[in-house]
């Protein structure tokens, strides 16, 4: 009997050990499943975070690129309109100089000169949005100088500014404006009024 009881104890202990081993295997399996699940969750989270960050950065880059394109397009449009206005002023000053040169030898051309002066006056007073303040100020002086030329001033030279009484002074003022426009537009080859614009008038006089 004692041997039988000992064997029972041994078997009981073996059963207990087997039970604990089974529990350990179950816990290990559960732990492995948990680790696998956590690894999958962490990997997915990291992947999503990386994708989101990349998408966010790309979106910001796209938005900045669009803003830059818009700004450049607006600047190009503004510059194009500025160039149009400056070319128009250039042409008007050329026409004015021609008209004033003709008046020097043919008083009947006074109306044409007056119209050219008025057109330039209207340009810098009503269409000055794309003209710099410096150009507007210089155009104002040009209009004043042109209107006070002895050939256009019915009262003679009494009302004409002392420094701007001749066609040469008008031409000098035009040159100043041309140079200012080049500076404003950052150009080096904007057309200038030809120094020989008054030659046809001189030949007419002869």
N, C-alpha and C. Protein backbone atom coordinates (compact mmCIF):
# COMPACT_ATOMS: atom_id res chain seq x y z
N UNK A 1 0.80 -1.22 0.00
CA UNK A 1 0.00 0.00 0.00
C UNK A 1 0.83 1.27 0.00
N UNK A 2 1.89 1.25 0.80
CA UNK A 2 2.69 2.48 0.77
C UNK A 2 3.22 2.77 -0.61
N UNK A 3 3.62 1.68 -1.30
CA UNK A 3 4.13 1.92 -2.65
C UNK A 3 3.03 2.46 -3.57
N UNK A 4 1.83 1.93 -3.38
CA UNK A 4 0.72 2.40 -4.21
C UNK A 4 0.41 3.87 -3.96
N UNK A 5 0.46 4.27 -2.73
CA UNK A 5 0.22 5.70 -2.40
C UNK A 5 1.32 6.59 -2.98
N UNK A 6 2.53 6.09 -2.96
CA UNK A 6 3.65 6.88 -3.51
C UNK A 6 3.49 7.07 -5.00
N UNK A 7 3.07 5.98 -5.64
CA UNK A 7 2.88 6.08 -7.08
C UNK A 7 1.77 7.07 -7.42
N UNK A 8 0.71 7.04 -6.59
CA UNK A 8 -0.39 7.99 -6.83
C UNK A 8 0.10 9.43 -6.70
N UNK A 9 0.96 9.64 -5.69
CA UNK A 9 1.49 11.00 -5.51
C UNK A 9 2.34 11.43 -6.71
N UNK A 10 3.10 10.46 -7.20
CA UNK A 10 3.95 10.77 -8.37
C UNK A 10 3.09 11.11 -9.57
N UNK A 11 2.04 10.27 -9.79
CA UNK A 11 1.16 10.53 -10.93
C UNK A 11 0.42 11.88 -10.79
N UNK A 12 0.06 12.17 -9.55
CA UNK A 12 -0.62 13.44 -9.30
C UNK A 12 0.29 14.62 -9.60
N UNK A 13 1.54 14.44 -9.18
CA UNK A 13 2.51 15.52 -9.46
C UNK A 13 2.77 15.65 -10.95
N UNK A 14 2.84 14.49 -11.64
CA UNK A 14 3.04 14.54 -13.09
C UNK A 14 1.86 15.21 -13.80
N UNK A 15 0.66 14.87 -13.32
CA UNK A 15 -0.53 15.52 -13.91
C UNK A 15 -0.51 17.02 -13.67
N UNK A 16 -0.07 17.37 -12.46
CA UNK A 16 0.00 18.80 -12.14
C UNK A 16 1.01 19.52 -13.03
N UNK A 17 2.15 18.80 -13.24
CA UNK A 17 3.19 19.39 -14.10
C UNK A 17 2.69 19.52 -15.53
N UNK A 18 2.00 18.47 -16.02
CA UNK A 18 1.45 18.53 -17.38
C UNK A 18 0.44 19.66 -17.52
N UNK A 19 -0.39 19.83 -16.47
CA UNK A 19 -1.39 20.89 -16.50
C UNK A 19 -0.73 22.27 -16.55
N UNK A 20 0.33 22.39 -15.75
CA UNK A 20 1.04 23.67 -15.76
C UNK A 20 1.74 23.92 -17.09
N UNK A 21 2.27 22.83 -17.66
CA UNK A 21 2.90 22.97 -18.98
C UNK A 21 1.88 23.41 -20.04
N UNK A 22 0.70 22.81 -19.96
CA UNK A 22 -0.35 23.19 -20.90
C UNK A 22 -0.75 24.65 -20.71
N UNK A 23 -0.85 25.05 -19.45
CA UNK A 23 -1.17 26.45 -19.18
C UNK A 23 -0.07 27.37 -19.71
N UNK A 24 1.19 26.95 -19.48
CA UNK A 24 2.32 27.76 -19.96
C UNK A 24 2.30 27.86 -21.49
N UNK A 25 1.99 26.69 -22.13
CA UNK A 25 1.91 26.72 -23.60
C UNK A 25 0.80 27.64 -24.07
N UNK A 26 -0.33 27.61 -23.36
CA UNK A 26 -1.44 28.48 -23.72
C UNK A 26 -1.10 29.95 -23.54
N UNK A 27 -0.46 30.21 -22.39
CA UNK A 27 -0.07 31.60 -22.15
C UNK A 27 0.97 32.07 -23.18
N UNK A 28 1.90 31.17 -23.50
CA UNK A 28 2.91 31.53 -24.50
C UNK A 28 2.26 31.81 -25.86
N UNK A 29 1.30 30.94 -26.21
CA UNK A 29 0.60 31.12 -27.49
C UNK A 29 -0.16 32.44 -27.51
N UNK A 30 -0.82 32.72 -26.37
CA UNK A 30 -1.56 33.99 -26.27
C UNK A 30 -0.60 35.19 -26.35
N UNK A 31 0.55 35.03 -25.69
CA UNK A 31 1.54 36.11 -25.72
C UNK A 31 2.04 36.33 -27.14
N UNK A 32 2.29 35.21 -27.85
CA UNK A 32 2.75 35.33 -29.24
C UNK A 32 1.69 36.00 -30.12
N UNK A 33 0.44 35.63 -29.90
CA UNK A 33 -0.64 36.26 -30.66
C UNK A 33 -0.74 37.74 -30.34
N UNK A 34 -0.58 38.05 -29.04
CA UNK A 34 -0.65 39.45 -28.63
C UNK A 34 0.50 40.26 -29.23
N UNK A 35 1.70 39.66 -29.19
CA UNK A 35 2.87 40.34 -29.77
C UNK A 35 2.67 40.55 -31.27
N UNK A 36 2.17 39.50 -31.94
CA UNK A 36 1.92 39.61 -33.38
C UNK A 36 0.89 40.70 -33.68
N UNK A 37 -0.17 40.70 -32.85
CA UNK A 37 -1.22 41.70 -33.03
C UNK A 37 -0.68 43.11 -32.78
N UNK A 38 0.10 43.27 -31.70
CA UNK A 38 0.67 44.58 -31.39
C UNK A 38 1.64 45.03 -32.47
N UNK A 39 2.43 44.08 -32.96
CA UNK A 39 3.37 44.41 -34.05
C UNK A 39 2.63 44.89 -35.29
N UNK A 40 1.54 44.20 -35.60
CA UNK A 40 0.74 44.60 -36.76
C UNK A 40 0.13 45.97 -36.56
N UNK A 41 -0.36 46.21 -35.33
CA UNK A 41 -0.98 47.51 -35.04
C UNK A 41 0.05 48.63 -35.12
N UNK A 42 1.22 48.39 -34.49
CA UNK A 42 2.29 49.40 -34.50
C UNK A 42 2.77 49.67 -35.93
N UNK A 43 2.96 48.59 -36.69
CA UNK A 43 3.41 48.74 -38.08
C UNK A 43 2.40 49.54 -38.89
N UNK A 44 1.11 49.22 -38.70
CA UNK A 44 0.06 49.95 -39.43
C UNK A 44 0.03 51.42 -39.00
N UNK A 45 0.18 51.65 -37.69
CA UNK A 45 0.14 53.02 -37.19
C UNK A 45 1.31 53.83 -37.73
N UNK A 46 2.51 53.21 -37.71
CA UNK A 46 3.69 53.90 -38.23
C UNK A 46 3.54 54.16 -39.73
N UNK A 47 3.03 53.16 -40.44
CA UNK A 47 2.82 53.34 -41.87
C UNK A 47 1.82 54.43 -42.17
N UNK A 48 0.72 54.46 -41.41
CA UNK A 48 -0.29 55.50 -41.62
C UNK A 48 0.27 56.88 -41.29
N UNK A 49 1.03 56.94 -40.19
CA UNK A 49 1.63 58.23 -39.80
C UNK A 49 2.59 58.73 -40.87
N UNK A 50 3.39 57.82 -41.42
CA UNK A 50 4.33 58.21 -42.48
C UNK A 50 3.57 58.66 -43.73
N UNK A 51 2.52 57.91 -44.08
CA UNK A 51 1.71 58.28 -45.25
C UNK A 51 1.04 59.63 -45.04
N UNK A 52 0.49 59.85 -43.84
CA UNK A 52 -0.19 61.11 -43.55
C UNK A 52 0.79 62.27 -43.59
N UNK A 53 1.97 62.06 -42.98
CA UNK A 53 2.98 63.13 -42.98
C UNK A 53 3.42 63.45 -44.40
N UNK A 54 3.65 62.43 -45.20
CA UNK A 54 4.07 62.64 -46.58
C UNK A 54 2.98 63.34 -47.38
N UNK A 55 1.73 62.90 -47.17
CA UNK A 55 0.61 63.53 -47.88
C UNK A 55 0.45 64.98 -47.46
N UNK A 56 0.62 65.24 -46.15
CA UNK A 56 0.50 66.61 -45.65
C UNK A 56 1.58 67.51 -46.23
N UNK A 57 2.81 66.98 -46.24
CA UNK A 57 3.92 67.75 -46.81
C UNK A 57 3.69 67.99 -48.29
N UNK A 58 3.25 66.95 -49.01
CA UNK A 58 3.01 67.09 -50.44
C UNK A 58 1.90 68.10 -50.72
N UNK A 59 0.86 68.08 -49.86
CA UNK A 59 -0.24 69.01 -50.02
C UNK A 59 0.24 70.45 -49.83
N UNK A 60 1.08 70.63 -48.81
CA UNK A 60 1.63 71.97 -48.56
C UNK A 60 2.50 72.43 -49.73
N UNK A 61 3.28 71.49 -50.27
CA UNK A 61 4.11 71.82 -51.43
C UNK A 61 3.24 72.20 -52.62
N UNK A 62 2.18 71.44 -52.83
CA UNK A 62 1.27 71.74 -53.95
C UNK A 62 0.59 73.10 -53.75
N UNK A 63 0.16 73.36 -52.51
CA UNK A 63 -0.49 74.65 -52.22
C UNK A 63 0.47 75.81 -52.44
N UNK A 64 1.71 75.64 -51.96
CA UNK A 64 2.71 76.70 -52.12
C UNK A 64 3.04 76.91 -53.60
N UNK A 65 3.10 75.79 -54.34
CA UNK A 65 3.39 75.89 -55.77
C UNK A 65 2.28 76.65 -56.49
N UNK A 66 1.02 76.37 -56.11
CA UNK A 66 -0.11 77.07 -56.73
C UNK A 66 -0.09 78.55 -56.37
N UNK A 67 0.23 78.85 -55.09
CA UNK A 67 0.30 80.26 -54.68
C UNK A 67 1.40 80.98 -55.45
N UNK A 68 2.54 80.31 -55.61
CA UNK A 68 3.66 80.91 -56.34
C UNK A 68 3.28 81.16 -57.80
N UNK A 69 2.60 80.18 -58.40
CA UNK A 69 2.15 80.33 -59.79
C UNK A 69 1.19 81.52 -59.91
N UNK A 70 0.29 81.64 -58.93
CA UNK A 70 -0.67 82.76 -58.95
C UNK A 70 0.04 84.09 -58.82
N UNK A 71 0.99 84.15 -57.89
CA UNK A 71 1.74 85.40 -57.67
C UNK A 71 2.53 85.78 -58.92
N UNK A 72 3.19 84.79 -59.53
CA UNK A 72 3.97 85.06 -60.74
C UNK A 72 3.07 85.50 -61.88
N UNK A 73 1.90 84.87 -61.99
CA UNK A 73 0.96 85.25 -63.05
C UNK A 73 0.47 86.68 -62.85
N UNK A 74 0.18 87.04 -61.59
CA UNK A 74 -0.27 88.40 -61.30
C UNK A 74 0.83 89.41 -61.58
N UNK A 75 2.07 89.08 -61.17
CA UNK A 75 3.19 89.98 -61.42
C UNK A 75 3.42 90.16 -62.92
N UNK A 76 3.28 89.06 -63.66
CA UNK A 76 3.45 89.14 -65.10
C UNK A 76 2.37 90.02 -65.74
N UNK A 77 1.14 89.87 -65.24
CA UNK A 77 0.03 90.67 -65.76
C UNK A 77 0.23 92.15 -65.45
N UNK A 78 0.65 92.43 -64.20
CA UNK A 78 0.88 93.82 -63.81
C UNK A 78 2.01 94.42 -64.64
N UNK A 79 3.10 93.66 -64.80
CA UNK A 79 4.23 94.17 -65.57
C UNK A 79 3.83 94.41 -67.02
N UNK A 80 3.00 93.51 -67.56
CA UNK A 80 2.55 93.67 -68.95
C UNK A 80 1.74 94.95 -69.10
N UNK A 81 0.88 95.22 -68.12
CA UNK A 81 0.07 96.44 -68.19
C UNK A 81 0.93 97.68 -68.00
N UNK A 82 1.92 97.58 -67.10
CA UNK A 82 2.84 98.71 -66.91
C UNK A 82 3.58 98.99 -68.21
N UNK A 83 4.06 97.93 -68.86
CA UNK A 83 4.79 98.10 -70.11
C UNK A 83 3.91 98.74 -71.18
N UNK A 84 2.64 98.33 -71.23
CA UNK A 84 1.70 98.92 -72.19
C UNK A 84 1.56 100.43 -71.94
N UNK A 85 1.39 100.80 -70.66
CA UNK A 85 1.22 102.22 -70.33
C UNK A 85 2.47 103.01 -70.66
N UNK A 86 3.62 102.45 -70.36
CA UNK A 86 4.87 103.17 -70.61
C UNK A 86 5.13 103.30 -72.11
N UNK A 87 4.79 102.27 -72.86
CA UNK A 87 4.93 102.37 -74.32
C UNK A 87 3.98 103.44 -74.87
N UNK A 88 2.77 103.50 -74.30
CA UNK A 88 1.81 104.51 -74.72
C UNK A 88 2.33 105.91 -74.42
N UNK A 89 2.89 106.10 -73.22
CA UNK A 89 3.46 107.40 -72.85
C UNK A 89 4.61 107.75 -73.79
N UNK A 90 5.44 106.78 -74.09
CA UNK A 90 6.56 107.00 -75.00
C UNK A 90 6.06 107.50 -76.37
N UNK A 91 5.04 106.82 -76.89
CA UNK A 91 4.49 107.21 -78.19
C UNK A 91 3.86 108.61 -78.12
N UNK A 92 3.17 108.90 -77.02
CA UNK A 92 2.56 110.22 -76.88
C UNK A 92 3.61 111.33 -76.79
N UNK A 93 4.70 111.05 -76.10
CA UNK A 93 5.76 112.05 -76.00
C UNK A 93 6.43 112.27 -77.36
N UNK A 94 6.58 111.20 -78.13
CA UNK A 94 7.15 111.34 -79.47
C UNK A 94 6.23 112.19 -80.35
N UNK A 95 4.91 111.92 -80.26
CA UNK A 95 3.95 112.71 -81.03
C UNK A 95 3.94 114.16 -80.57
N UNK A 96 4.05 114.38 -79.27
CA UNK A 96 4.08 115.74 -78.74
C UNK A 96 5.30 116.49 -79.24
N UNK A 97 6.46 115.85 -79.20
CA UNK A 97 7.68 116.52 -79.65
C UNK A 97 7.60 116.87 -81.13
N UNK A 98 7.05 115.96 -81.92
CA UNK A 98 6.88 116.24 -83.35
C UNK A 98 5.96 117.45 -83.56
N UNK A 99 4.84 117.45 -82.81
CA UNK A 99 3.87 118.54 -82.96
C UNK A 99 4.47 119.88 -82.54
N UNK A 100 5.21 119.89 -81.44
CA UNK A 100 5.83 121.13 -80.97
C UNK A 100 6.89 121.61 -81.94
N UNK A 101 7.61 120.66 -82.53
CA UNK A 101 8.63 121.03 -83.51
C UNK A 101 7.98 121.67 -84.74
N UNK A 102 6.83 121.14 -85.16
CA UNK A 102 6.13 121.69 -86.32
C UNK A 102 5.60 123.10 -86.03
N UNK A 103 5.14 123.30 -84.80
CA UNK A 103 4.59 124.61 -84.44
C UNK A 103 5.65 125.69 -84.51
N UNK A 104 6.90 125.33 -84.25
CA UNK A 104 7.97 126.30 -84.28
C UNK A 104 8.07 126.99 -85.65
N UNK A 105 7.72 126.26 -86.69
CA UNK A 105 7.84 126.80 -88.06
C UNK A 105 6.48 126.99 -88.73
N UNK A 106 5.44 126.41 -88.14
CA UNK A 106 4.11 126.50 -88.75
C UNK A 106 3.07 126.69 -87.65
N UNK A 107 2.74 127.93 -87.29
CA UNK A 107 1.79 128.22 -86.21
C UNK A 107 0.42 127.58 -86.41
N UNK A 108 0.08 127.21 -87.65
CA UNK A 108 -1.24 126.59 -87.88
C UNK A 108 -1.32 125.19 -87.26
N UNK A 109 -0.18 124.64 -86.85
CA UNK A 109 -0.15 123.31 -86.23
C UNK A 109 -0.36 123.38 -84.72
N UNK A 110 -0.70 124.57 -84.24
CA UNK A 110 -0.85 124.75 -82.80
C UNK A 110 -1.94 123.83 -82.22
N UNK A 111 -3.03 123.64 -82.96
CA UNK A 111 -4.11 122.79 -82.48
C UNK A 111 -3.63 121.36 -82.25
N UNK A 112 -2.83 120.86 -83.18
CA UNK A 112 -2.30 119.51 -83.05
C UNK A 112 -1.43 119.39 -81.80
N UNK A 113 -0.61 120.44 -81.56
CA UNK A 113 0.25 120.44 -80.38
C UNK A 113 -0.59 120.50 -79.10
N UNK A 114 -1.63 121.32 -79.11
CA UNK A 114 -2.50 121.43 -77.93
C UNK A 114 -3.17 120.08 -77.64
N UNK A 115 -3.60 119.40 -78.68
CA UNK A 115 -4.24 118.09 -78.50
C UNK A 115 -3.25 117.07 -77.94
N UNK A 116 -2.01 117.12 -78.41
CA UNK A 116 -0.99 116.20 -77.91
C UNK A 116 -0.70 116.47 -76.44
N UNK A 117 -0.65 117.76 -76.06
CA UNK A 117 -0.43 118.12 -74.66
C UNK A 117 -1.58 117.64 -73.80
N UNK A 118 -2.80 117.85 -74.28
CA UNK A 118 -3.99 117.45 -73.51
C UNK A 118 -4.05 115.93 -73.35
N UNK A 119 -3.67 115.20 -74.40
CA UNK A 119 -3.69 113.74 -74.33
C UNK A 119 -2.72 113.23 -73.27
N UNK A 120 -1.55 113.85 -73.21
CA UNK A 120 -0.57 113.46 -72.21
C UNK A 120 -1.05 113.83 -70.81
N UNK A 121 -1.72 114.97 -70.71
CA UNK A 121 -2.27 115.41 -69.42
C UNK A 121 -3.33 114.41 -68.92
N UNK A 122 -4.19 113.98 -69.83
CA UNK A 122 -5.23 113.01 -69.46
C UNK A 122 -4.60 111.69 -69.02
N UNK A 123 -3.52 111.30 -69.69
CA UNK A 123 -2.85 110.04 -69.36
C UNK A 123 -2.33 110.03 -67.93
N UNK A 124 -1.63 111.08 -67.52
CA UNK A 124 -1.03 111.04 -66.19
C UNK A 124 -2.00 111.43 -65.08
N UNK A 125 -3.15 112.00 -65.44
CA UNK A 125 -4.13 112.36 -64.40
C UNK A 125 -5.23 111.31 -64.22
N UNK A 126 -5.57 110.59 -65.27
CA UNK A 126 -6.67 109.63 -65.18
C UNK A 126 -6.26 108.18 -65.41
N UNK A 127 -5.07 107.96 -65.93
CA UNK A 127 -4.64 106.60 -66.25
C UNK A 127 -3.25 106.35 -65.66
N UNK A 128 -3.10 106.73 -64.41
CA UNK A 128 -1.77 106.68 -63.78
C UNK A 128 -1.58 105.49 -62.85
N UNK A 129 -2.51 104.53 -62.86
CA UNK A 129 -2.42 103.39 -61.94
C UNK A 129 -1.13 102.62 -62.13
N UNK A 130 -0.68 102.49 -63.37
CA UNK A 130 0.51 101.70 -63.66
C UNK A 130 1.72 102.57 -63.97
N UNK A 131 1.64 103.85 -63.62
CA UNK A 131 2.78 104.75 -63.77
C UNK A 131 3.35 105.07 -62.39
N UNK A 132 4.67 105.13 -62.29
CA UNK A 132 5.27 105.43 -61.00
C UNK A 132 5.05 106.91 -60.67
N UNK A 133 5.17 107.24 -59.39
CA UNK A 133 5.00 108.63 -58.95
C UNK A 133 6.04 109.53 -59.59
N UNK A 134 7.25 109.00 -59.79
CA UNK A 134 8.31 109.79 -60.41
C UNK A 134 7.96 110.14 -61.86
N UNK A 135 7.43 109.16 -62.58
CA UNK A 135 7.06 109.41 -63.98
C UNK A 135 5.91 110.41 -64.05
N UNK A 136 4.93 110.26 -63.17
CA UNK A 136 3.80 111.19 -63.15
C UNK A 136 4.29 112.61 -62.87
N UNK A 137 5.19 112.77 -61.91
CA UNK A 137 5.71 114.10 -61.59
C UNK A 137 6.47 114.69 -62.77
N UNK A 138 7.24 113.85 -63.46
CA UNK A 138 8.00 114.34 -64.62
C UNK A 138 7.07 114.68 -65.79
N UNK A 139 6.01 113.89 -65.97
CA UNK A 139 5.04 114.19 -67.03
C UNK A 139 4.32 115.52 -66.76
N UNK A 140 4.04 115.77 -65.50
CA UNK A 140 3.41 117.03 -65.12
C UNK A 140 4.30 118.20 -65.52
N UNK A 141 5.60 118.07 -65.27
CA UNK A 141 6.55 119.12 -65.66
C UNK A 141 6.61 119.26 -67.18
N UNK A 142 6.56 118.12 -67.89
CA UNK A 142 6.62 118.15 -69.35
C UNK A 142 5.41 118.86 -69.93
N UNK A 143 4.23 118.55 -69.41
CA UNK A 143 3.01 119.20 -69.89
C UNK A 143 3.07 120.71 -69.62
N UNK A 144 3.53 121.07 -68.44
CA UNK A 144 3.63 122.49 -68.09
C UNK A 144 4.63 123.20 -68.99
N UNK A 145 5.78 122.56 -69.22
CA UNK A 145 6.80 123.15 -70.07
C UNK A 145 6.32 123.31 -71.51
N UNK A 146 5.62 122.27 -72.00
CA UNK A 146 5.13 122.32 -73.39
C UNK A 146 4.07 123.40 -73.55
N UNK A 147 3.16 123.49 -72.58
CA UNK A 147 2.10 124.49 -72.68
C UNK A 147 2.60 125.90 -72.56
N UNK A 148 3.77 126.08 -71.96
CA UNK A 148 4.33 127.43 -71.78
C UNK A 148 5.37 127.81 -72.83
N UNK A 149 5.49 127.00 -73.86
CA UNK A 149 6.39 127.39 -74.95
C UNK A 149 5.90 128.69 -75.59
N UNK A 150 6.82 129.58 -75.95
CA UNK A 150 6.42 130.86 -76.57
C UNK A 150 5.52 130.67 -77.79
N UNK A 151 5.75 129.60 -78.55
CA UNK A 151 4.96 129.38 -79.76
C UNK A 151 3.51 129.00 -79.45
N UNK A 152 3.25 128.53 -78.22
CA UNK A 152 1.89 128.15 -77.84
C UNK A 152 1.27 129.12 -76.86
N UNK A 153 2.08 129.92 -76.22
CA UNK A 153 1.61 130.85 -75.21
C UNK A 153 1.26 132.18 -75.87
N UNK A 154 -0.02 132.48 -75.93
CA UNK A 154 -0.47 133.70 -76.62
C UNK A 154 0.04 134.97 -75.96
N UNK A 155 0.41 134.87 -74.69
CA UNK A 155 0.90 136.07 -73.99
C UNK A 155 2.41 136.21 -74.08
N UNK A 156 3.00 135.40 -74.96
CA UNK A 156 4.45 135.50 -75.11
C UNK A 156 5.15 134.64 -74.10
N UNK A 157 6.30 135.08 -73.64
CA UNK A 157 7.11 134.28 -72.72
C UNK A 157 6.95 134.72 -71.27
N UNK A 158 6.06 135.64 -70.99
CA UNK A 158 5.93 136.17 -69.64
C UNK A 158 5.55 135.10 -68.63
N UNK A 159 4.68 134.15 -69.04
CA UNK A 159 4.23 133.12 -68.11
C UNK A 159 5.05 131.83 -68.19
N UNK A 160 6.06 131.80 -69.03
CA UNK A 160 6.84 130.59 -69.21
C UNK A 160 7.92 130.49 -68.15
N UNK A 161 8.13 129.30 -67.55
CA UNK A 161 9.21 129.14 -66.58
C UNK A 161 10.55 129.48 -67.21
N UNK A 162 11.40 130.12 -66.44
CA UNK A 162 12.67 130.59 -66.99
C UNK A 162 13.54 129.46 -67.52
N UNK A 163 13.48 128.27 -66.88
CA UNK A 163 14.35 127.16 -67.27
C UNK A 163 13.74 126.27 -68.34
N UNK A 164 12.48 126.52 -68.70
CA UNK A 164 11.82 125.67 -69.69
C UNK A 164 11.08 126.53 -70.70
N UNK A 165 11.82 127.23 -71.50
CA UNK A 165 11.18 128.11 -72.47
C UNK A 165 11.43 127.68 -73.90
N UNK A 166 12.30 126.71 -74.13
CA UNK A 166 12.62 126.30 -75.49
C UNK A 166 12.32 124.85 -75.75
N UNK A 167 12.30 124.49 -77.04
CA UNK A 167 12.02 123.12 -77.45
C UNK A 167 13.09 122.18 -76.93
N UNK A 168 14.34 122.73 -76.79
CA UNK A 168 15.42 121.90 -76.27
C UNK A 168 15.15 121.47 -74.83
N UNK A 169 14.54 122.37 -74.06
CA UNK A 169 14.23 122.03 -72.68
C UNK A 169 13.14 120.95 -72.61
N UNK A 170 12.19 121.04 -73.54
CA UNK A 170 11.15 120.01 -73.62
C UNK A 170 11.78 118.67 -73.96
N UNK A 171 12.70 118.69 -74.90
CA UNK A 171 13.38 117.45 -75.28
C UNK A 171 14.18 116.89 -74.11
N UNK A 172 14.81 117.76 -73.34
CA UNK A 172 15.57 117.31 -72.18
C UNK A 172 14.63 116.67 -71.14
N UNK A 173 13.46 117.27 -70.97
CA UNK A 173 12.50 116.71 -70.01
C UNK A 173 12.01 115.34 -70.48
N UNK A 174 11.81 115.20 -71.79
CA UNK A 174 11.39 113.91 -72.34
C UNK A 174 12.47 112.85 -72.08
N UNK A 175 13.72 113.24 -72.25
CA UNK A 175 14.83 112.30 -72.00
C UNK A 175 14.84 111.86 -70.54
N UNK A 176 14.58 112.79 -69.62
CA UNK A 176 14.52 112.43 -68.20
C UNK A 176 13.42 111.39 -67.94
N UNK A 177 12.28 111.61 -68.58
CA UNK A 177 11.16 110.68 -68.40
C UNK A 177 11.49 109.31 -68.97
N UNK A 178 12.12 109.31 -70.16
CA UNK A 178 12.52 108.04 -70.77
C UNK A 178 13.46 107.27 -69.84
N UNK A 179 14.41 107.96 -69.26
CA UNK A 179 15.36 107.30 -68.36
C UNK A 179 14.66 106.78 -67.11
N UNK A 180 13.69 107.54 -66.60
CA UNK A 180 12.95 107.11 -65.42
C UNK A 180 12.11 105.87 -65.74
N UNK A 181 11.54 105.84 -66.93
CA UNK A 181 10.74 104.68 -67.33
C UNK A 181 11.62 103.44 -67.46
N UNK A 182 12.83 103.61 -67.98
CA UNK A 182 13.76 102.48 -68.06
C UNK A 182 14.06 101.94 -66.66
N UNK A 183 14.28 102.86 -65.73
CA UNK A 183 14.56 102.45 -64.35
C UNK A 183 13.37 101.72 -63.75
N UNK A 184 12.17 102.25 -63.97
CA UNK A 184 10.97 101.62 -63.42
C UNK A 184 10.76 100.21 -63.96
N UNK A 185 11.01 100.05 -65.26
CA UNK A 185 10.77 98.77 -65.91
C UNK A 185 12.00 97.88 -65.90
N UNK A 186 13.10 98.40 -65.39
CA UNK A 186 14.35 97.67 -65.35
C UNK A 186 14.77 97.24 -66.75
N UNK A 187 14.65 98.17 -67.68
CA UNK A 187 15.04 97.92 -69.07
C UNK A 187 16.22 98.82 -69.43
N UNK A 188 16.95 98.39 -70.43
CA UNK A 188 18.09 99.19 -70.89
C UNK A 188 17.95 99.62 -72.34
N UNK A 189 16.89 99.13 -72.99
CA UNK A 189 16.73 99.46 -74.40
C UNK A 189 15.32 99.94 -74.73
N UNK A 190 14.71 100.68 -73.85
CA UNK A 190 13.42 101.27 -74.18
C UNK A 190 13.67 102.40 -75.17
N UNK A 191 12.91 102.43 -76.28
CA UNK A 191 13.16 103.41 -77.33
C UNK A 191 13.13 104.83 -76.83
N UNK A 192 13.99 105.67 -77.38
CA UNK A 192 14.05 107.06 -77.00
C UNK A 192 13.59 107.95 -78.16
N UNK A 193 13.23 109.18 -77.80
CA UNK A 193 12.89 110.16 -78.83
C UNK A 193 14.16 110.46 -79.63
N UNK A 194 14.04 110.36 -80.93
CA UNK A 194 15.22 110.61 -81.77
C UNK A 194 15.67 112.05 -81.66
N UNK A 195 16.99 112.23 -81.63
CA UNK A 195 17.54 113.57 -81.55
C UNK A 195 17.27 114.35 -82.85
N UNK A 196 16.91 113.62 -83.89
CA UNK A 196 16.67 114.29 -85.17
C UNK A 196 15.21 114.53 -85.48
N UNK A 197 14.33 114.46 -84.44
CA UNK A 197 12.91 114.63 -84.68
C UNK A 197 12.57 115.98 -85.27
N UNK A 198 13.38 117.01 -85.00
CA UNK A 198 13.05 118.35 -85.46
C UNK A 198 13.66 118.67 -86.81
N UNK A 199 14.35 117.71 -87.43
CA UNK A 199 14.95 117.97 -88.74
C UNK A 199 13.91 118.23 -89.83
N UNK A 200 12.82 117.46 -89.89
CA UNK A 200 11.81 117.75 -90.92
C UNK A 200 11.26 119.18 -90.77
N UNK A 201 11.10 119.63 -89.53
CA UNK A 201 10.60 120.98 -89.32
C UNK A 201 11.58 121.99 -89.87
N UNK A 202 12.87 121.77 -89.66
CA UNK A 202 13.88 122.71 -90.13
C UNK A 202 13.88 122.76 -91.65
N UNK A 203 13.73 121.61 -92.31
CA UNK A 203 13.71 121.58 -93.76
C UNK A 203 12.47 122.26 -94.30
N UNK A 204 11.35 122.15 -93.53
CA UNK A 204 10.13 122.82 -93.96
C UNK A 204 10.32 124.32 -93.94
N UNK A 205 11.05 124.76 -92.90
CA UNK A 205 11.26 126.20 -92.78
C UNK A 205 12.06 126.73 -93.95
N UNK A 206 12.99 125.91 -94.44
CA UNK A 206 13.77 126.35 -95.58
C UNK A 206 12.96 126.25 -96.86
